[in-house]
Amino acid sequence: MTVDSGTDLHLSEPTLWVWQGQAAYLGASLRLDTHSTPVQCFVLGVDESITVRTAAGERRRRSVLIPARTSHKLECEGRVLFHYLDPRSAAGARVRAAMGEPAAPVAARHRNEAELTAYLNQPGSADPRELRRLIVGPETPATIDRRIRAVMNAIVDDPAGRAGAAELARDLGLSTSRFLHLFSADAGTSFRRYRLWARLLSVAGAVAAGTDLTRAAADAGFASASHFSDTFRTLFGLTASELLAQNTRIVVVADTPDSLRR
């Protein structure tokens, strides 16, 4: 595992980039089981189109945007790019606006998909910042309730925090139901899913720094190794051990803009 600036990576090497609040994976499609991601996820078939199956039907496209908590199955024989979008930013809205087919629940055909596939099929290295620029555009904060943003920032800063929805709602002077409604509306995912997402990013960063997977999961707030493994499979369609068995390189990208915290 490696911690570096996120540049000078060969495209044939499976790579997971992690930032505070977001992540991206480039590599083999991994034959994922049916799953539902904790945050919105942009997916690009690098070598060929991908097939996405949901309860609403099947689509075969080169690029798709999958909403959080949408049960789906992806099929692709070539390499794929997954870009998981930070709910604190306007990334989700920007990417949805860039999709030429906005049909619900899965939008398709990003306006830059040809440029993205050309970039990822050229010799040399992939820069996660350039990928983010092509997918998202300028990094700007979303217009969300300042109280919810403060909670989201606190979760990212301390993923293992034990405060539950009821306690946080009380601190904000809100009922639990109102707090959960506001959180879901602003984050595009549930409070529970967002906290799990932050904990998973924490695990990835710790593993990249040399901590073993079991210890990293415990430090991030997972009750047990099985709890972590089951959560990872539910959210991503495989276990963390299966992902790491592909010799996946984990790279911590330390460039989250301060504007996302305001």
Protein backbone atom coordinates (compact mmCIF):
# COMPACT_ATOMS: atom_id res chain seq x y z
CA MET A 1 0.00 0.00 0.00
CA THR A 2 1.20 3.50 -0.77
CA VAL A 3 0.60 7.04 0.41
CA ASP A 4 1.58 9.74 -2.09
CA SER A 5 0.33 12.78 -3.96
CA GLY A 6 -1.83 10.79 -6.34
CA THR A 7 0.24 11.23 -9.52
CA ASP A 8 2.64 9.08 -11.55
CA LEU A 9 0.56 5.93 -11.41
CA HIS A 10 0.60 3.46 -14.28
CA LEU A 11 -2.85 2.87 -15.74
CA SER A 12 -2.56 -0.93 -15.66
CA GLU A 13 -2.19 -0.97 -11.87
CA PRO A 14 -5.49 -1.25 -9.93
CA THR A 15 -5.64 1.91 -7.86
CA LEU A 16 -7.92 3.27 -5.15
CA TRP A 17 -7.58 7.00 -4.49
CA VAL A 18 -9.09 8.37 -1.28
CA TRP A 19 -9.72 11.97 -0.26
CA GLN A 20 -11.63 13.27 2.73
CA GLY A 21 -15.22 12.56 1.74
CA GLN A 22 -14.64 10.95 -1.66
CA ALA A 23 -12.84 8.14 -3.45
CA ALA A 24 -12.10 6.78 -6.92
CA TYR A 25 -11.10 3.34 -8.22
CA LEU A 26 -9.49 2.48 -11.55
CA GLY A 27 -8.89 -1.11 -12.53
CA ALA A 28 -10.55 -4.43 -13.30
CA SER A 29 -14.33 -4.58 -13.01
CA LEU A 30 -14.04 -7.20 -10.20
CA ARG A 31 -17.34 -8.97 -11.11
CA LEU A 32 -19.26 -7.27 -8.32
CA ASP A 33 -22.36 -8.70 -6.67
CA THR A 34 -25.56 -6.66 -6.45
CA HIS A 35 -24.97 -3.75 -4.08
CA SER A 36 -26.01 -0.18 -3.22
CA THR A 37 -23.39 2.50 -2.67
CA PRO A 38 -23.50 4.90 0.30
CA VAL A 39 -22.98 8.00 -1.90
CA GLN A 40 -23.56 8.83 -5.57
CA CYS A 41 -21.16 7.01 -7.88
CA PHE A 42 -20.08 7.89 -11.43
CA VAL A 43 -19.01 4.82 -13.42
CA LEU A 44 -17.11 4.75 -16.72
CA GLY A 45 -16.29 1.72 -18.83
CA VAL A 46 -12.68 2.42 -19.77
CA ASP A 47 -12.36 -0.28 -22.42
CA GLU A 48 -16.00 -1.01 -23.29
CA SER A 49 -19.57 -0.20 -22.31
CA ILE A 50 -20.97 -1.41 -19.01
CA THR A 51 -24.32 -3.04 -18.30
CA VAL A 52 -26.25 -1.74 -15.28
CA ARG A 53 -29.24 -3.66 -13.93
CA THR A 54 -31.67 -2.09 -11.44
CA ALA A 55 -35.27 -2.75 -10.47
CA ALA A 56 -36.24 -0.27 -13.23
CA GLY A 57 -34.54 -2.32 -15.96
CA GLU A 58 -31.25 -2.68 -17.77
CA ARG A 59 -29.01 -0.12 -19.52
CA ARG A 60 -25.80 -0.61 -21.47
CA ARG A 61 -23.82 2.60 -21.69
CA ARG A 62 -20.24 3.83 -21.56
CA SER A 63 -20.88 6.04 -18.51
CA VAL A 64 -23.58 6.15 -15.83
CA LEU A 65 -24.37 7.99 -12.59
CA ILE A 66 -25.83 5.78 -9.87
CA PRO A 67 -27.66 7.43 -6.96
CA ALA A 68 -26.84 6.48 -3.39
CA ARG A 69 -28.81 3.55 -1.94
CA THR A 70 -29.85 2.29 -5.39
CA SER A 71 -29.55 -1.49 -5.57
CA HIS A 72 -27.80 -2.41 -8.83
CA LYS A 73 -25.51 -4.89 -10.54
CA LEU A 74 -22.71 -3.89 -12.91
CA GLU A 75 -21.31 -6.11 -15.65
CA CYS A 76 -18.19 -5.32 -17.66
CA GLU A 77 -15.25 -7.36 -18.91
CA GLY A 78 -12.78 -4.48 -19.23
CA ARG A 79 -11.44 -1.86 -16.84
CA VAL A 80 -13.76 0.52 -15.04
CA LEU A 81 -13.50 3.85 -13.27
CA PHE A 82 -15.65 4.40 -10.18
CA HIS A 83 -15.77 7.94 -8.78
CA TYR A 84 -17.65 8.25 -5.48
CA LEU A 85 -18.88 11.83 -5.00
CA ASP A 86 -18.51 13.88 -1.80
CA PRO A 87 -22.02 14.88 -0.62
CA ARG A 88 -20.58 18.03 0.95
CA SER A 89 -19.78 19.34 -2.52
CA ALA A 90 -21.92 20.22 -5.54
CA ALA A 91 -20.35 17.26 -7.38
CA GLY A 92 -23.51 15.17 -7.53
CA ALA A 93 -25.59 17.96 -9.05
CA ARG A 94 -22.81 18.89 -11.47
CA VAL A 95 -22.35 15.34 -12.72
CA ARG A 96 -26.09 14.77 -13.08
CA ALA A 97 -26.32 17.97 -15.15
CA ALA A 98 -23.50 16.63 -17.36
CA MET A 99 -25.36 13.41 -18.20
CA GLY A 100 -27.05 13.40 -21.60
CA GLU A 101 -29.65 10.83 -20.52
CA PRO A 102 -31.04 11.90 -17.14
CA ALA A 103 -33.60 9.09 -16.86
CA ALA A 104 -34.23 7.87 -13.30
CA PRO A 105 -32.83 6.21 -11.38
CA VAL A 106 -29.61 5.82 -13.42
CA ALA A 107 -28.48 8.70 -15.62
CA ALA A 108 -26.11 8.02 -18.53
CA ARG A 109 -23.78 9.46 -21.19
CA HIS A 110 -21.52 12.02 -19.50
CA ARG A 111 -20.65 14.81 -21.90
CA ASN A 112 -16.92 14.18 -21.37
CA GLU A 113 -17.00 10.38 -21.65
CA ALA A 114 -15.02 10.39 -24.92
CA GLU A 115 -12.35 12.64 -23.40
CA LEU A 116 -12.24 10.49 -20.26
CA THR A 117 -11.83 7.22 -22.16
CA ALA A 118 -9.15 8.76 -24.39
CA TYR A 119 -7.29 10.05 -21.32
CA LEU A 120 -7.42 6.68 -19.57
CA ASN A 121 -6.36 4.73 -22.67
CA GLN A 122 -3.24 6.77 -23.35
CA PRO A 123 0.20 5.56 -22.22
CA GLY A 124 1.55 6.92 -18.98
CA SER A 125 -0.02 7.89 -15.70
CA ALA A 126 -3.44 8.95 -14.42
CA ASP A 127 -3.86 11.97 -12.19
CA PRO A 128 -6.94 11.73 -9.95
CA ARG A 129 -7.26 15.52 -9.98
CA GLU A 130 -7.53 15.52 -13.76
CA LEU A 131 -10.12 12.74 -13.61
CA ARG A 132 -12.10 14.75 -11.08
CA ARG A 133 -11.87 17.85 -13.27
CA LEU A 134 -13.20 15.99 -16.30
CA ILE A 135 -16.01 14.36 -14.34
CA VAL A 136 -17.05 17.07 -11.88
CA GLY A 137 -15.56 20.36 -12.98
CA PRO A 138 -14.63 23.05 -10.41
CA GLU A 139 -14.83 21.86 -6.79
CA THR A 140 -17.46 23.95 -5.01
CA PRO A 141 -19.53 23.40 -1.86
CA ALA A 142 -23.16 22.41 -2.18
CA THR A 143 -25.88 24.70 -0.87
CA ILE A 144 -26.93 22.78 2.21
CA ASP A 145 -28.10 23.58 5.73
CA ARG A 146 -25.09 24.82 7.71
CA ARG A 147 -26.05 22.57 10.63
CA ILE A 148 -26.02 19.49 8.41
CA ARG A 149 -22.70 20.52 6.88
CA ALA A 150 -21.24 20.85 10.39
CA VAL A 151 -22.42 17.34 11.24
CA MET A 152 -20.99 15.96 7.99
CA ASN A 153 -17.63 17.62 8.66
CA ALA A 154 -17.61 16.22 12.19
CA ILE A 155 -18.30 12.73 10.85
CA VAL A 156 -15.44 13.00 8.33
CA ASP A 157 -13.09 14.30 11.04
CA ASP A 158 -14.07 11.61 13.56
CA PRO A 159 -15.64 8.62 11.76
CA ALA A 160 -15.50 6.49 14.91
CA GLY A 161 -17.61 8.98 16.86
CA ARG A 162 -20.37 7.24 18.81
CA ALA A 163 -22.94 10.05 18.88
CA GLY A 164 -26.19 8.82 17.35
CA ALA A 165 -28.85 10.67 15.38
CA ALA A 166 -30.95 11.38 18.48
CA GLU A 167 -28.04 12.96 20.35
CA LEU A 168 -26.93 15.05 17.37
CA ALA A 169 -30.50 16.18 16.71
CA ARG A 170 -30.89 17.24 20.33
CA ASP A 171 -27.65 19.26 20.16
CA LEU A 172 -29.04 21.08 17.11
CA GLY A 173 -32.41 21.72 18.71
CA LEU A 174 -34.18 19.43 16.23
CA SER A 175 -36.36 16.37 16.57
CA THR A 176 -34.68 13.16 15.46
CA SER A 177 -37.09 12.75 12.55
CA ARG A 178 -36.50 16.33 11.37
CA PHE A 179 -32.73 15.93 11.63
CA LEU A 180 -32.77 12.67 9.64
CA HIS A 181 -35.01 14.24 6.99
CA LEU A 182 -32.74 17.27 6.60
CA PHE A 183 -29.63 15.11 6.49
CA SER A 184 -31.02 12.82 3.80
CA ALA A 185 -32.28 15.75 1.72
CA ASP A 186 -28.95 17.60 1.86
CA ALA A 187 -26.52 14.68 1.68
CA GLY A 188 -28.42 12.59 -0.84
CA THR A 189 -27.93 9.61 1.44
CA SER A 190 -28.93 8.60 4.95
CA PHE A 191 -27.13 9.60 8.14
CA ARG A 192 -26.25 5.94 8.78
CA ARG A 193 -24.88 5.40 5.26
CA TYR A 194 -22.82 8.59 5.38
CA ARG A 195 -21.21 7.60 8.66
CA LEU A 196 -20.39 4.17 7.25
CA TRP A 197 -18.89 5.87 4.19
CA ALA A 198 -16.65 8.06 6.37
CA ARG A 199 -15.56 5.01 8.36
CA LEU A 200 -14.70 3.08 5.21
CA LEU A 201 -12.58 5.98 3.93
CA SER A 202 -10.82 6.03 7.29
CA VAL A 203 -10.06 2.32 6.98
CA ALA A 204 -8.62 2.82 3.50
CA GLY A 205 -6.36 5.62 4.68
CA ALA A 206 -5.12 3.59 7.64
CA VAL A 207 -4.40 0.52 5.49
CA ALA A 208 -2.49 2.72 3.04
CA ALA A 209 -0.38 3.91 5.96
CA GLY A 210 0.47 0.33 6.98
CA THR A 211 -2.21 -0.60 9.54
CA ASP A 212 -3.62 -4.11 9.15
CA LEU A 213 -7.22 -4.33 7.96
CA THR A 214 -8.69 -5.70 11.19
CA ARG A 215 -7.11 -3.00 13.38
CA ALA A 216 -8.05 -0.26 10.89
CA ALA A 217 -11.68 -1.37 10.91
CA ALA A 218 -11.82 -1.42 14.72
CA ASP A 219 -10.21 2.02 14.97
CA ALA A 220 -12.75 3.39 12.50
CA GLY A 221 -15.65 2.31 14.68
CA PHE A 222 -16.75 -1.04 13.26
CA ALA A 223 -18.00 -3.40 15.95
CA SER A 224 -16.16 -6.43 14.58
CA ALA A 225 -14.26 -7.74 11.58
CA SER A 226 -17.42 -9.44 10.33
CA HIS A 227 -19.41 -6.20 10.69
CA PHE A 228 -16.83 -4.42 8.55
CA SER A 229 -16.70 -7.21 5.96
CA ASP A 230 -20.49 -7.46 5.68
CA THR A 231 -20.82 -3.68 5.38
CA PHE A 232 -18.18 -3.47 2.66
CA ARG A 233 -19.84 -6.22 0.63
CA THR A 234 -23.29 -4.63 0.97
CA LEU A 235 -22.03 -1.24 -0.19
CA PHE A 236 -19.58 -2.31 -2.89
CA GLY A 237 -20.42 -5.83 -4.00
CA LEU A 238 -17.25 -7.55 -2.72
CA THR A 239 -15.21 -7.71 0.48
CA ALA A 240 -12.25 -5.48 1.24
CA SER A 241 -10.02 -8.56 1.33
CA GLU A 242 -11.12 -9.47 -2.19
CA LEU A 243 -10.32 -5.95 -3.37
CA LEU A 244 -6.88 -5.96 -1.78
CA ALA A 245 -6.18 -9.44 -3.20
CA GLN A 246 -6.11 -7.79 -6.64
CA ASN A 247 -2.90 -6.00 -5.55
CA THR A 248 -4.86 -2.77 -5.46
CA ARG A 249 -2.75 0.26 -4.66
CA ILE A 250 -4.27 2.72 -2.16
CA VAL A 251 -3.26 6.35 -2.58
CA VAL A 252 -4.22 9.11 -0.15
CA VAL A 253 -4.81 12.41 -1.98
CA ALA A 254 -4.43 15.31 0.44
CA ASP A 255 -6.09 18.14 -1.45
CA THR A 256 -9.65 18.49 -0.16
CA PRO A 257 -10.52 22.20 -0.63
CA ASP A 258 -11.27 24.17 2.54
CA SER A 259 -14.35 25.57 0.75
CA LEU A 260 -16.13 22.23 1.23
CA ARG A 261 -16.03 22.69 5.00
CA ARG A 262 -17.76 26.08 5.05
